């Protein structure tokens, strides 16, 4: 199960309103990055039959069947700091991560 922080819920809701036909935020894992896996996100207009959908605070986070197991137990957060702002994944399965937090090894 993936959780979505309150800050992330608010930001997803805000951004989905701006995106034409968007129904939620897709979070996925793909090969690459400096540690083997890399996170990706995009706004989604439809879902597939094998997608995992997490609903929290009126928003949807969508994961494909290959990404969902690698994201199990993770939290989707939104960070707004002096260094910048954006979505962040806090993944307890990540054994190592890169300095920017966008890639990990499991």
PDB file of N, CA and C in Angstrom:
ATOM      1  N   UNK A   1       0.828  -1.178   0.000  1.00  0.00           N
ATOM      2  CA  UNK A   1       0.000   0.000   0.000  1.00  0.00           C
ATOM      3  C   UNK A   1       0.879   1.251   0.000  1.00  0.00           C
ATOM      4  N   UNK A   2       0.511   2.223  -0.786  1.00  0.00           N
ATOM      5  CA  UNK A   2       1.203   3.500  -0.868  1.00  0.00           C
ATOM      6  C   UNK A   2       0.350   4.545  -0.152  1.00  0.00           C
ATOM      7  N   UNK A   3       1.003   5.421   0.603  1.00  0.00           N
ATOM      8  CA  UNK A   3       0.282   6.507   1.252  1.00  0.00           C
ATOM      9  C   UNK A   3       0.619   7.822   0.549  1.00  0.00           C
ATOM     10  N   UNK A   4      -0.255   8.800   0.723  1.00  0.00           N
ATOM     11  CA  UNK A   4      -0.082  10.105   0.092  1.00  0.00           C
ATOM     12  C   UNK A   4      -0.194  11.158   1.192  1.00  0.00           C
ATOM     13  N   UNK A   5       0.871  11.941   1.385  1.00  0.00           N
ATOM     14  CA  UNK A   5       0.851  12.963   2.432  1.00  0.00           C
ATOM     15  C   UNK A   5      -0.207  14.015   2.126  1.00  0.00           C
ATOM     16  N   UNK A   6      -0.587  14.746   3.159  1.00  0.00           N
ATOM     17  CA  UNK A   6      -1.583  15.800   2.986  1.00  0.00           C
ATOM     18  C   UNK A   6      -1.100  16.868   2.005  1.00  0.00           C
ATOM     19  N   UNK A   7       0.182  17.233   2.099  1.00  0.00           N
ATOM     20  CA  UNK A   7       0.745  18.222   1.156  1.00  0.00           C
ATOM     21  C   UNK A   7       0.677  17.719  -0.278  1.00  0.00           C
ATOM     22  N   UNK A   8       0.984  16.427  -0.486  1.00  0.00           N
ATOM     23  CA  UNK A   8       0.926  15.851  -1.827  1.00  0.00           C
ATOM     24  C   UNK A   8      -0.517  15.803  -2.322  1.00  0.00           C
ATOM     25  N   UNK A   9      -1.445  15.463  -1.444  1.00  0.00           N
ATOM     26  CA  UNK A   9      -2.858  15.440  -1.835  1.00  0.00           C
ATOM     27  C   UNK A   9      -3.298  16.807  -2.351  1.00  0.00           C
ATOM     28  N   UNK A  10      -2.945  17.845  -1.632  1.00  0.00           N
ATOM     29  CA  UNK A  10      -3.328  19.206  -2.029  1.00  0.00           C
ATOM     30  C   UNK A  10      -2.718  19.574  -3.372  1.00  0.00           C
ATOM     31  N   UNK A  11      -1.428  19.253  -3.554  1.00  0.00           N
ATOM     32  CA  UNK A  11      -0.748  19.622  -4.800  1.00  0.00           C
ATOM     33  C   UNK A  11      -1.284  18.808  -5.977  1.00  0.00           C
ATOM     34  N   UNK A  12      -1.530  17.514  -5.777  1.00  0.00           N
ATOM     35  CA  UNK A  12      -2.091  16.690  -6.854  1.00  0.00           C
ATOM     36  C   UNK A  12      -3.448  17.246  -7.257  1.00  0.00           C
ATOM     37  N   UNK A  13      -4.286  17.555  -6.268  1.00  0.00           N
ATOM     38  CA  UNK A  13      -5.616  18.106  -6.561  1.00  0.00           C
ATOM     39  C   UNK A  13      -5.495  19.392  -7.384  1.00  0.00           C
ATOM     40  N   UNK A  14      -4.604  20.270  -6.965  1.00  0.00           N
ATOM     41  CA  UNK A  14      -4.387  21.533  -7.659  1.00  0.00           C
ATOM     42  C   UNK A  14      -3.937  21.309  -9.108  1.00  0.00           C
ATOM     43  N   UNK A  15      -2.974  20.428  -9.296  1.00  0.00           N
ATOM     44  CA  UNK A  15      -2.424  20.205 -10.633  1.00  0.00           C
ATOM     45  C   UNK A  15      -3.377  19.438 -11.550  1.00  0.00           C
ATOM     46  N   UNK A  16      -4.137  18.508 -10.989  1.00  0.00           N
ATOM     47  CA  UNK A  16      -5.112  17.758 -11.798  1.00  0.00           C
ATOM     48  C   UNK A  16      -6.168  18.714 -12.352  1.00  0.00           C
ATOM     49  N   UNK A  17      -6.526  19.739 -11.566  1.00  0.00           N
ATOM     50  CA  UNK A  17      -7.507  20.726 -12.035  1.00  0.00           C
ATOM     51  C   UNK A  17      -6.988  21.486 -13.254  1.00  0.00           C
ATOM     52  N   UNK A  18      -5.657  21.664 -13.316  1.00  0.00           N
ATOM     53  CA  UNK A  18      -5.045  22.410 -14.417  1.00  0.00           C
ATOM     54  C   UNK A  18      -4.815  21.562 -15.665  1.00  0.00           C
ATOM     55  N   UNK A  19      -4.696  20.249 -15.499  1.00  0.00           N
ATOM     56  CA  UNK A  19      -4.402  19.350 -16.613  1.00  0.00           C
ATOM     57  C   UNK A  19      -5.693  18.892 -17.284  1.00  0.00           C
ATOM     58  N   UNK A  20      -5.780  19.057 -18.569  1.00  0.00           N
ATOM     59  CA  UNK A  20      -6.975  18.654 -19.312  1.00  0.00           C
ATOM     60  C   UNK A  20      -7.165  17.139 -19.242  1.00  0.00           C
ATOM     61  N   UNK A  21      -8.326  16.712 -18.819  1.00  0.00           N
ATOM     62  CA  UNK A  21      -8.736  15.306 -18.759  1.00  0.00           C
ATOM     63  C   UNK A  21      -7.953  14.446 -17.761  1.00  0.00           C
ATOM     64  N   UNK A  22      -7.114  15.035 -16.935  1.00  0.00           N
ATOM     65  CA  UNK A  22      -6.341  14.244 -15.978  1.00  0.00           C
ATOM     66  C   UNK A  22      -7.261  13.697 -14.889  1.00  0.00           C
ATOM     67  N   UNK A  23      -7.004  12.434 -14.505  1.00  0.00           N
ATOM     68  CA  UNK A  23      -7.787  11.809 -13.434  1.00  0.00           C
ATOM     69  C   UNK A  23      -6.942  11.540 -12.195  1.00  0.00           C
ATOM     70  N   UNK A  24      -5.624  11.641 -12.332  1.00  0.00           N
ATOM     71  CA  UNK A  24      -4.753  11.385 -11.197  1.00  0.00           C
ATOM     72  C   UNK A  24      -3.288  11.442 -11.591  1.00  0.00           C
ATOM     73  N   UNK A  25      -2.454  11.147 -10.605  1.00  0.00           N
ATOM     74  CA  UNK A  25      -1.006  11.152 -10.799  1.00  0.00           C
ATOM     75  C   UNK A  25      -0.511   9.715 -10.914  1.00  0.00           C
ATOM     76  N   UNK A  26       0.137   9.402 -12.026  1.00  0.00           N
ATOM     77  CA  UNK A  26       0.757   8.084 -12.184  1.00  0.00           C
ATOM     78  C   UNK A  26       2.175   8.151 -11.638  1.00  0.00           C
ATOM     79  N   UNK A  27       2.494   7.205 -10.759  1.00  0.00           N
ATOM     80  CA  UNK A  27       3.835   7.073 -10.203  1.00  0.00           C
ATOM     81  C   UNK A  27       4.360   5.729 -10.688  1.00  0.00           C
ATOM     82  N   UNK A  28       5.570   5.721 -11.238  1.00  0.00           N
ATOM     83  CA  UNK A  28       6.106   4.475 -11.779  1.00  0.00           C
ATOM     84  C   UNK A  28       7.598   4.352 -11.513  1.00  0.00           C
ATOM     85  N   UNK A  29       8.087   3.153 -11.685  1.00  0.00           N
ATOM     86  CA  UNK A  29       9.507   2.843 -11.538  1.00  0.00           C
ATOM     87  C   UNK A  29       9.983   2.280 -12.867  1.00  0.00           C
ATOM     88  N   UNK A  30      11.123   2.763 -13.325  1.00  0.00           N
ATOM     89  CA  UNK A  30      11.710   2.225 -14.559  1.00  0.00           C
ATOM     90  C   UNK A  30      13.194   1.997 -14.322  1.00  0.00           C
ATOM     91  N   UNK A  31      13.777   1.171 -15.147  1.00  0.00           N
ATOM     92  CA  UNK A  31      15.205   0.922 -15.061  1.00  0.00           C
ATOM     93  C   UNK A  31      15.973   2.169 -15.441  1.00  0.00           C
ATOM     94  N   UNK A  32      17.074   2.426 -14.734  1.00  0.00           N
ATOM     95  CA  UNK A  32      17.899   3.583 -15.066  1.00  0.00           C
ATOM     96  C   UNK A  32      18.363   4.306 -13.824  1.00  0.00           C
ATOM     97  N   UNK A  33      18.907   5.466 -14.032  1.00  0.00           N
ATOM     98  CA  UNK A  33      19.440   6.238 -12.911  1.00  0.00           C
ATOM     99  C   UNK A  33      20.766   5.662 -12.460  1.00  0.00           C
ATOM    100  N   UNK A  34      21.355   6.268 -11.469  1.00  0.00           N
ATOM    101  CA  UNK A  34      22.679   5.821 -11.028  1.00  0.00           C
ATOM    102  C   UNK A  34      22.622   4.648 -10.058  1.00  0.00           C
ATOM    103  N   UNK A  35      21.422   4.208  -9.646  1.00  0.00           N
ATOM    104  CA  UNK A  35      21.309   3.087  -8.712  1.00  0.00           C
ATOM    105  C   UNK A  35      20.435   1.940  -9.238  1.00  0.00           C
ATOM    106  N   UNK A  36      20.092   1.935 -10.509  1.00  0.00           N
ATOM    107  CA  UNK A  36      19.368   0.806 -11.087  1.00  0.00           C
ATOM    108  C   UNK A  36      17.899   1.052 -11.377  1.00  0.00           C
ATOM    109  N   UNK A  37      17.202   1.761 -10.498  1.00  0.00           N
ATOM    110  CA  UNK A  37      15.795   2.098 -10.717  1.00  0.00           C
ATOM    111  C   UNK A  37      15.630   3.602 -10.611  1.00  0.00           C
ATOM    112  N   UNK A  38      14.653   4.102 -11.347  1.00  0.00           N
ATOM    113  CA  UNK A  38      14.397   5.530 -11.342  1.00  0.00           C
ATOM    114  C   UNK A  38      12.896   5.767 -11.216  1.00  0.00           C
ATOM    115  N   UNK A  39      12.504   6.745 -10.390  1.00  0.00           N
ATOM    116  CA  UNK A  39      11.096   7.099 -10.248  1.00  0.00           C
ATOM    117  C   UNK A  39      10.663   7.978 -11.403  1.00  0.00           C
ATOM    118  N   UNK A  40       9.398   7.859 -11.751  1.00  0.00           N
ATOM    119  CA  UNK A  40       8.816   8.732 -12.749  1.00  0.00           C
ATOM    120  C   UNK A  40       7.393   9.075 -12.350  1.00  0.00           C
ATOM    121  N   UNK A  41       6.910  10.193 -12.828  1.00  0.00           N
ATOM    122  CA  UNK A  41       5.548  10.633 -12.535  1.00  0.00           C
ATOM    123  C   UNK A  41       4.994  11.358 -13.749  1.00  0.00           C
ATOM    124  N   UNK A  42       3.694  11.185 -13.957  1.00  0.00           N
ATOM    125  CA  UNK A  42       3.005  11.902 -15.016  1.00  0.00           C
ATOM    126  C   UNK A  42       1.521  11.964 -14.683  1.00  0.00           C
ATOM    127  N   UNK A  43       0.831  12.908 -15.275  1.00  0.00           N
ATOM    128  CA  UNK A  43      -0.613  12.960 -15.067  1.00  0.00           C
ATOM    129  C   UNK A  43      -1.271  12.000 -16.031  1.00  0.00           C
ATOM    130  N   UNK A  44      -2.273  11.298 -15.540  1.00  0.00           N
ATOM    131  CA  UNK A  44      -2.896  10.213 -16.286  1.00  0.00           C
ATOM    132  C   UNK A  44      -4.332  10.570 -16.643  1.00  0.00           C
ATOM    133  N   UNK A  45      -4.727  10.166 -17.847  1.00  0.00           N
ATOM    134  CA  UNK A  45      -6.096  10.399 -18.297  1.00  0.00           C
ATOM    135  C   UNK A  45      -6.938   9.127 -18.295  1.00  0.00           C
ATOM    136  N   UNK A  46      -6.285   7.969 -18.126  1.00  0.00           N
ATOM    137  CA  UNK A  46      -7.020   6.702 -18.088  1.00  0.00           C
ATOM    138  C   UNK A  46      -6.213   5.682 -17.296  1.00  0.00           C
ATOM    139  N   UNK A  47      -6.873   4.603 -16.918  1.00  0.00           N
ATOM    140  CA  UNK A  47      -6.196   3.537 -16.183  1.00  0.00           C
ATOM    141  C   UNK A  47      -6.302   2.242 -16.968  1.00  0.00           C
ATOM    142  N   UNK A  48      -5.417   1.305 -16.652  1.00  0.00           N
ATOM    143  CA  UNK A  48      -5.445  -0.035 -17.241  1.00  0.00           C
ATOM    144  C   UNK A  48      -6.061  -0.996 -16.222  1.00  0.00           C
ATOM    145  N   UNK A  49      -6.511  -2.146 -16.699  1.00  0.00           N
ATOM    146  CA  UNK A  49      -7.158  -3.131 -15.829  1.00  0.00           C
ATOM    147  C   UNK A  49      -6.245  -3.612 -14.704  1.00  0.00           C
ATOM    148  N   UNK A  50      -4.936  -3.669 -14.953  1.00  0.00           N
ATOM    149  CA  UNK A  50      -4.024  -4.191 -13.937  1.00  0.00           C
ATOM    150  C   UNK A  50      -3.350  -3.105 -13.100  1.00  0.00           C
ATOM    151  N   UNK A  51      -3.813  -1.855 -13.217  1.00  0.00           N
ATOM    152  CA  UNK A  51      -3.270  -0.771 -12.409  1.00  0.00           C
ATOM    153  C   UNK A  51      -3.714  -0.901 -10.952  1.00  0.00           C
ATOM    154  N   UNK A  52      -2.870  -0.435 -10.060  1.00  0.00           N
ATOM    155  CA  UNK A  52      -3.227  -0.277  -8.653  1.00  0.00           C
ATOM    156  C   UNK A  52      -3.542   1.197  -8.455  1.00  0.00           C
ATOM    157  N   UNK A  53      -4.690   1.477  -7.856  1.00  0.00           N
ATOM    158  CA  UNK A  53      -5.118   2.860  -7.652  1.00  0.00           C
ATOM    159  C   UNK A  53      -5.296   3.108  -6.158  1.00  0.00           C
ATOM    160  N   UNK A  54      -4.617   4.128  -5.660  1.00  0.00           N
ATOM    161  CA  UNK A  54      -4.742   4.538  -4.270  1.00  0.00           C
ATOM    162  C   UNK A  54      -5.490   5.868  -4.268  1.00  0.00           C
ATOM    163  N   UNK A  55      -6.575   5.921  -3.520  1.00  0.00           N
ATOM    164  CA  UNK A  55      -7.335   7.162  -3.398  1.00  0.00           C
ATOM    165  C   UNK A  55      -7.151   7.715  -1.991  1.00  0.00           C
ATOM    166  N   UNK A  56      -6.783   8.992  -1.926  1.00  0.00           N
ATOM    167  CA  UNK A  56      -6.571   9.648  -0.635  1.00  0.00           C
ATOM    168  C   UNK A  56      -6.928  11.116  -0.767  1.00  0.00           C
ATOM    169  N   UNK A  57      -7.743  11.606   0.124  1.00  0.00           N
ATOM    170  CA  UNK A  57      -8.079  13.023   0.108  1.00  0.00           C
ATOM    171  C   UNK A  57      -8.703  13.496  -1.181  1.00  0.00           C
ATOM    172  N   UNK A  58      -9.420  12.609  -1.868  1.00  0.00           N
ATOM    173  CA  UNK A  58     -10.085  12.990  -3.108  1.00  0.00           C
ATOM    174  C   UNK A  58      -9.211  12.955  -4.343  1.00  0.00           C
ATOM    175  N   UNK A  59      -7.982  12.456  -4.233  1.00  0.00           N
ATOM    176  CA  UNK A  59      -7.105  12.340  -5.402  1.00  0.00           C
ATOM    177  C   UNK A  59      -6.704  10.881  -5.619  1.00  0.00           C
ATOM    178  N   UNK A  60      -6.262  10.582  -6.835  1.00  0.00           N
ATOM    179  CA  UNK A  60      -5.840   9.225  -7.183  1.00  0.00           C
ATOM    180  C   UNK A  60      -4.358   9.200  -7.519  1.00  0.00           C
ATOM    181  N   UNK A  61      -3.675   8.182  -6.977  1.00  0.00           N
ATOM    182  CA  UNK A  61      -2.311   7.868  -7.375  1.00  0.00           C
ATOM    183  C   UNK A  61      -2.383   6.508  -8.042  1.00  0.00           C
ATOM    184  N   UNK A  62      -1.884   6.415  -9.258  1.00  0.00           N
ATOM    185  CA  UNK A  62      -2.023   5.232 -10.107  1.00  0.00           C
ATOM    186  C   UNK A  62      -0.648   4.618 -10.335  1.00  0.00           C
ATOM    187  N   UNK A  63      -0.569   3.280 -10.188  1.00  0.00           N
ATOM    188  CA  UNK A  63       0.694   2.575 -10.408  1.00  0.00           C
ATOM    189  C   UNK A  63       0.447   1.376 -11.322  1.00  0.00           C
ATOM    190  N   UNK A  64       1.360   1.118 -12.240  1.00  0.00           N
ATOM    191  CA  UNK A  64       1.244  -0.065 -13.093  1.00  0.00           C
ATOM    192  C   UNK A  64       1.623  -1.314 -12.296  1.00  0.00           C
ATOM    193  N   UNK A  65       1.315  -2.463 -12.854  1.00  0.00           N
ATOM    194  CA  UNK A  65       1.503  -3.728 -12.128  1.00  0.00           C
ATOM    195  C   UNK A  65       2.964  -4.056 -11.833  1.00  0.00           C
ATOM    196  N   UNK A  66       3.894  -3.554 -12.610  1.00  0.00           N
ATOM    197  CA  UNK A  66       5.312  -3.816 -12.345  1.00  0.00           C
ATOM    198  C   UNK A  66       5.881  -2.846 -11.317  1.00  0.00           C
ATOM    199  N   UNK A  67       5.376  -1.633 -11.271  1.00  0.00           N
ATOM    200  CA  UNK A  67       5.874  -0.626 -10.334  1.00  0.00           C
ATOM    201  C   UNK A  67       5.308  -0.793  -8.936  1.00  0.00           C
ATOM    202  N   UNK A  68       4.057  -1.226  -8.823  1.00  0.00           N
ATOM    203  CA  UNK A  68       3.376  -1.295  -7.522  1.00  0.00           C
ATOM    204  C   UNK A  68       4.163  -2.087  -6.476  1.00  0.00           C
ATOM    205  N   UNK A  69       4.710  -3.276  -6.800  1.00  0.00           N
ATOM    206  CA  UNK A  69       5.471  -4.002  -5.772  1.00  0.00           C
ATOM    207  C   UNK A  69       6.730  -3.264  -5.318  1.00  0.00           C
ATOM    208  N   UNK A  70       7.374  -2.520  -6.219  1.00  0.00           N
ATOM    209  CA  UNK A  70       8.582  -1.772  -5.865  1.00  0.00           C
ATOM    210  C   UNK A  70       8.265  -0.514  -5.062  1.00  0.00           C
ATOM    211  N   UNK A  71       6.997  -0.092  -5.104  1.00  0.00           N
ATOM    212  CA  UNK A  71       6.570   1.097  -4.373  1.00  0.00           C
ATOM    213  C   UNK A  71       5.799   0.770  -3.102  1.00  0.00           C
ATOM    214  N   UNK A  72       5.549  -0.517  -2.850  1.00  0.00           N
ATOM    215  CA  UNK A  72       4.769  -0.919  -1.675  1.00  0.00           C
ATOM    216  C   UNK A  72       5.387  -0.363  -0.398  1.00  0.00           C
ATOM    217  N   UNK A  73       4.564   0.259   0.437  1.00  0.00           N
ATOM    218  CA  UNK A  73       5.031   0.836   1.686  1.00  0.00           C
ATOM    219  C   UNK A  73       5.556   2.255   1.556  1.00  0.00           C
ATOM    220  N   UNK A  74       5.589   2.778   0.344  1.00  0.00           N
ATOM    221  CA  UNK A  74       6.135   4.116   0.109  1.00  0.00           C
ATOM    222  C   UNK A  74       5.132   5.211   0.451  1.00  0.00           C
ATOM    223  N   UNK A  75       5.670   6.416   0.635  1.00  0.00           N
ATOM    224  CA  UNK A  75       4.838   7.597   0.803  1.00  0.00           C
ATOM    225  C   UNK A  75       5.153   8.570  -0.319  1.00  0.00           C
ATOM    226  N   UNK A  76       4.108   9.072  -0.962  1.00  0.00           N
ATOM    227  CA  UNK A  76       4.251  10.148  -1.936  1.00  0.00           C
ATOM    228  C   UNK A  76       4.077  11.444  -1.155  1.00  0.00           C
ATOM    229  N   UNK A  77       5.073  12.309  -1.226  1.00  0.00           N
ATOM    230  CA  UNK A  77       5.050  13.558  -0.481  1.00  0.00           C
ATOM    231  C   UNK A  77       5.294  14.709  -1.445  1.00  0.00           C
ATOM    232  N   UNK A  78       4.976  15.908  -1.009  1.00  0.00           N
ATOM    233  CA  UNK A  78       5.313  17.106  -1.774  1.00  0.00           C
ATOM    234  C   UNK A  78       6.160  17.979  -0.878  1.00  0.00           C
ATOM    235  N   UNK A  79       7.333  18.359  -1.362  1.00  0.00           N
ATOM    236  CA  UNK A  79       8.292  19.129  -0.578  1.00  0.00           C
ATOM    237  C   UNK A  79       8.439  20.514  -1.206  1.00  0.00           C
ATOM    238  N   UNK A  80       8.359  21.532  -0.374  1.00  0.00           N
ATOM    239  CA  UNK A  80       8.548  22.913  -0.825  1.00  0.00           C
ATOM    240  C   UNK A  80       9.593  23.532   0.095  1.00  0.00           C
ATOM    241  N   UNK A  81      10.817  23.667  -0.417  1.00  0.00           N
ATOM    242  CA  UNK A  81      11.914  24.166   0.416  1.00  0.00           C
ATOM    243  C   UNK A  81      12.756  25.163  -0.364  1.00  0.00           C
ATOM    244  N   UNK A  82      13.766  25.674   0.296  1.00  0.00           N
ATOM    245  CA  UNK A  82      14.681  26.628  -0.321  1.00  0.00           C
ATOM    246  C   UNK A  82      15.376  26.003  -1.534  1.00  0.00           C
ATOM    247  N   UNK A  83      15.661  24.680  -1.460  1.00  0.00           N
ATOM    248  CA  UNK A  83      16.345  23.999  -2.558  1.00  0.00           C
ATOM    249  C   UNK A  83      15.435  23.744  -3.751  1.00  0.00           C
ATOM    250  N   UNK A  84      14.142  23.884  -3.579  1.00  0.00           N
ATOM    251  CA  UNK A  84      13.202  23.667  -4.665  1.00  0.00           C
ATOM    252  C   UNK A  84      11.954  22.978  -4.165  1.00  0.00           C
ATOM    253  N   UNK A  85      11.046  22.740  -5.070  1.00  0.00           N
ATOM    254  CA  UNK A  85       9.806  22.075  -4.697  1.00  0.00           C
ATOM    255  C   UNK A  85       9.507  20.975  -5.693  1.00  0.00           C
ATOM    256  N   UNK A  86       8.776  19.974  -5.223  1.00  0.00           N
ATOM    257  CA  UNK A  86       8.392  18.881  -6.097  1.00  0.00           C
ATOM    258  C   UNK A  86       7.957  17.669  -5.297  1.00  0.00           C
ATOM    259  N   UNK A  87       7.467  16.678  -6.007  1.00  0.00           N
ATOM    260  CA  UNK A  87       7.038  15.438  -5.374  1.00  0.00           C
ATOM    261  C   UNK A  87       8.265  14.613  -5.000  1.00  0.00           C
ATOM    262  N   UNK A  88       8.161  13.911  -3.883  1.00  0.00           N
ATOM    263  CA  UNK A  88       9.243  13.058  -3.409  1.00  0.00           C
ATOM    264  C   UNK A  88       8.652  11.716  -2.986  1.00  0.00           C
ATOM    265  N   UNK A  89       9.381  10.655  -3.244  1.00  0.00           N
ATOM    266  CA  UNK A  89       8.980   9.310  -2.845  1.00  0.00           C
ATOM    267  C   UNK A  89       9.839   8.890  -1.663  1.00  0.00           C
ATOM    268  N   UNK A  90       9.192   8.517  -0.584  1.00  0.00           N
ATOM    269  CA  UNK A  90       9.895   7.961   0.573  1.00  0.00           C
ATOM    270  C   UNK A  90       9.635   6.462   0.543  1.00  0.00           C
ATOM    271  N   UNK A  91      10.627   5.708   0.083  1.00  0.00           N
ATOM    272  CA  UNK A  91      10.468   4.279  -0.175  1.00  0.00           C
ATOM    273  C   UNK A  91      11.287   3.456   0.825  1.00  0.00           C
ATOM    274  N   UNK A  92      10.620   2.725   1.724  1.00  0.00           N
ATOM    275  CA  UNK A  92      11.361   1.927   2.704  1.00  0.00           C
ATOM    276  C   UNK A  92      12.078   0.724   2.079  1.00  0.00           C
ATOM    277  N   UNK A  93      11.738   0.365   0.852  1.00  0.00           N
ATOM    278  CA  UNK A  93      12.398  -0.750   0.166  1.00  0.00           C
ATOM    279  C   UNK A  93      13.725  -0.342  -0.469  1.00  0.00           C
ATOM    280  N   UNK A  94      13.962   0.951  -0.591  1.00  0.00           N
ATOM    281  CA  UNK A  94      15.193   1.434  -1.228  1.00  0.00           C
ATOM    282  C   UNK A  94      16.376   1.169  -0.308  1.00  0.00           C
ATOM    283  N   UNK A  95      17.307   0.339  -0.771  1.00  0.00           N
ATOM    284  CA  UNK A  95      18.512   0.040   0.013  1.00  0.00           C
ATOM    285  C   UNK A  95      19.513   1.172  -0.084  1.00  0.00           C
ATOM    286  N   UNK A  96      19.643   1.741  -1.277  1.00  0.00           N
ATOM    287  CA  UNK A  96      20.494   2.903  -1.474  1.00  0.00           C
ATOM    288  C   UNK A  96      19.768   3.868  -2.406  1.00  0.00           C
ATOM    289  N   UNK A  97      20.065   5.157  -2.260  1.00  0.00           N
ATOM    290  CA  UNK A  97      19.484   6.167  -3.124  1.00  0.00           C
ATOM    291  C   UNK A  97      20.579   7.105  -3.582  1.00  0.00           C
ATOM    292  N   UNK A  98      20.306   7.828  -4.645  1.00  0.00           N
ATOM    293  CA  UNK A  98      21.283   8.812  -5.124  1.00  0.00           C
ATOM    294  C   UNK A  98      21.078  10.121  -4.366  1.00  0.00           C
ATOM    295  N   UNK A  99      21.961  11.037  -4.537  1.00  0.00           N
ATOM    296  CA  UNK A  99      21.893  12.307  -3.834  1.00  0.00           C
ATOM    297  C   UNK A  99      20.649  13.111  -4.142  1.00  0.00           C
ATOM    298  N   UNK A 100      20.139  13.013  -5.369  1.00  0.00           N
ATOM    299  CA  UNK A 100      18.960  13.804  -5.711  1.00  0.00           C
ATOM    300  C   UNK A 100      17.663  13.089  -5.337  1.00  0.00           C
ATOM    301  N   UNK A 101      17.745  11.814  -4.971  1.00  0.00           N
ATOM    302  CA  UNK A 101      16.558  11.083  -4.542  1.00  0.00           C
ATOM    303  C   UNK A 101      15.686  10.548  -5.656  1.00  0.00           C
ATOM    304  N   UNK A 102      16.147  10.625  -6.911  1.00  0.00           N
ATOM    305  CA  UNK A 102      15.311  10.162  -8.024  1.00  0.00           C
ATOM    306  C   UNK A 102      15.629   8.746  -8.469  1.00  0.00           C
ATOM    307  N   UNK A 103      16.700   8.151  -7.945  1.00  0.00           N
ATOM    308  CA  UNK A 103      16.984   6.761  -8.283  1.00  0.00           C
ATOM    309  C   UNK A 103      17.342   5.982  -7.012  1.00  0.00           C
ATOM    310  N   UNK A 104      17.155   4.660  -7.101  1.00  0.00           N
ATOM    311  CA  UNK A 104      17.378   3.819  -5.934  1.00  0.00           C
ATOM    312  C   UNK A 104      17.707   2.403  -6.360  1.00  0.00           C
ATOM    313  N   UNK A 105      18.189   1.607  -5.423  1.00  0.00           N
ATOM    314  CA  UNK A 105      18.365   0.173  -5.638  1.00  0.00           C
ATOM    315  C   UNK A 105      17.516  -0.556  -4.600  1.00  0.00           C
ATOM    316  N   UNK A 106      16.987  -1.698  -5.012  1.00  0.00           N
ATOM    317  CA  UNK A 106      16.106  -2.454  -4.110  1.00  0.00           C
ATOM    318  C   UNK A 106      16.743  -3.777  -3.732  1.00  0.00           C
TER     319      UNK A 106
END
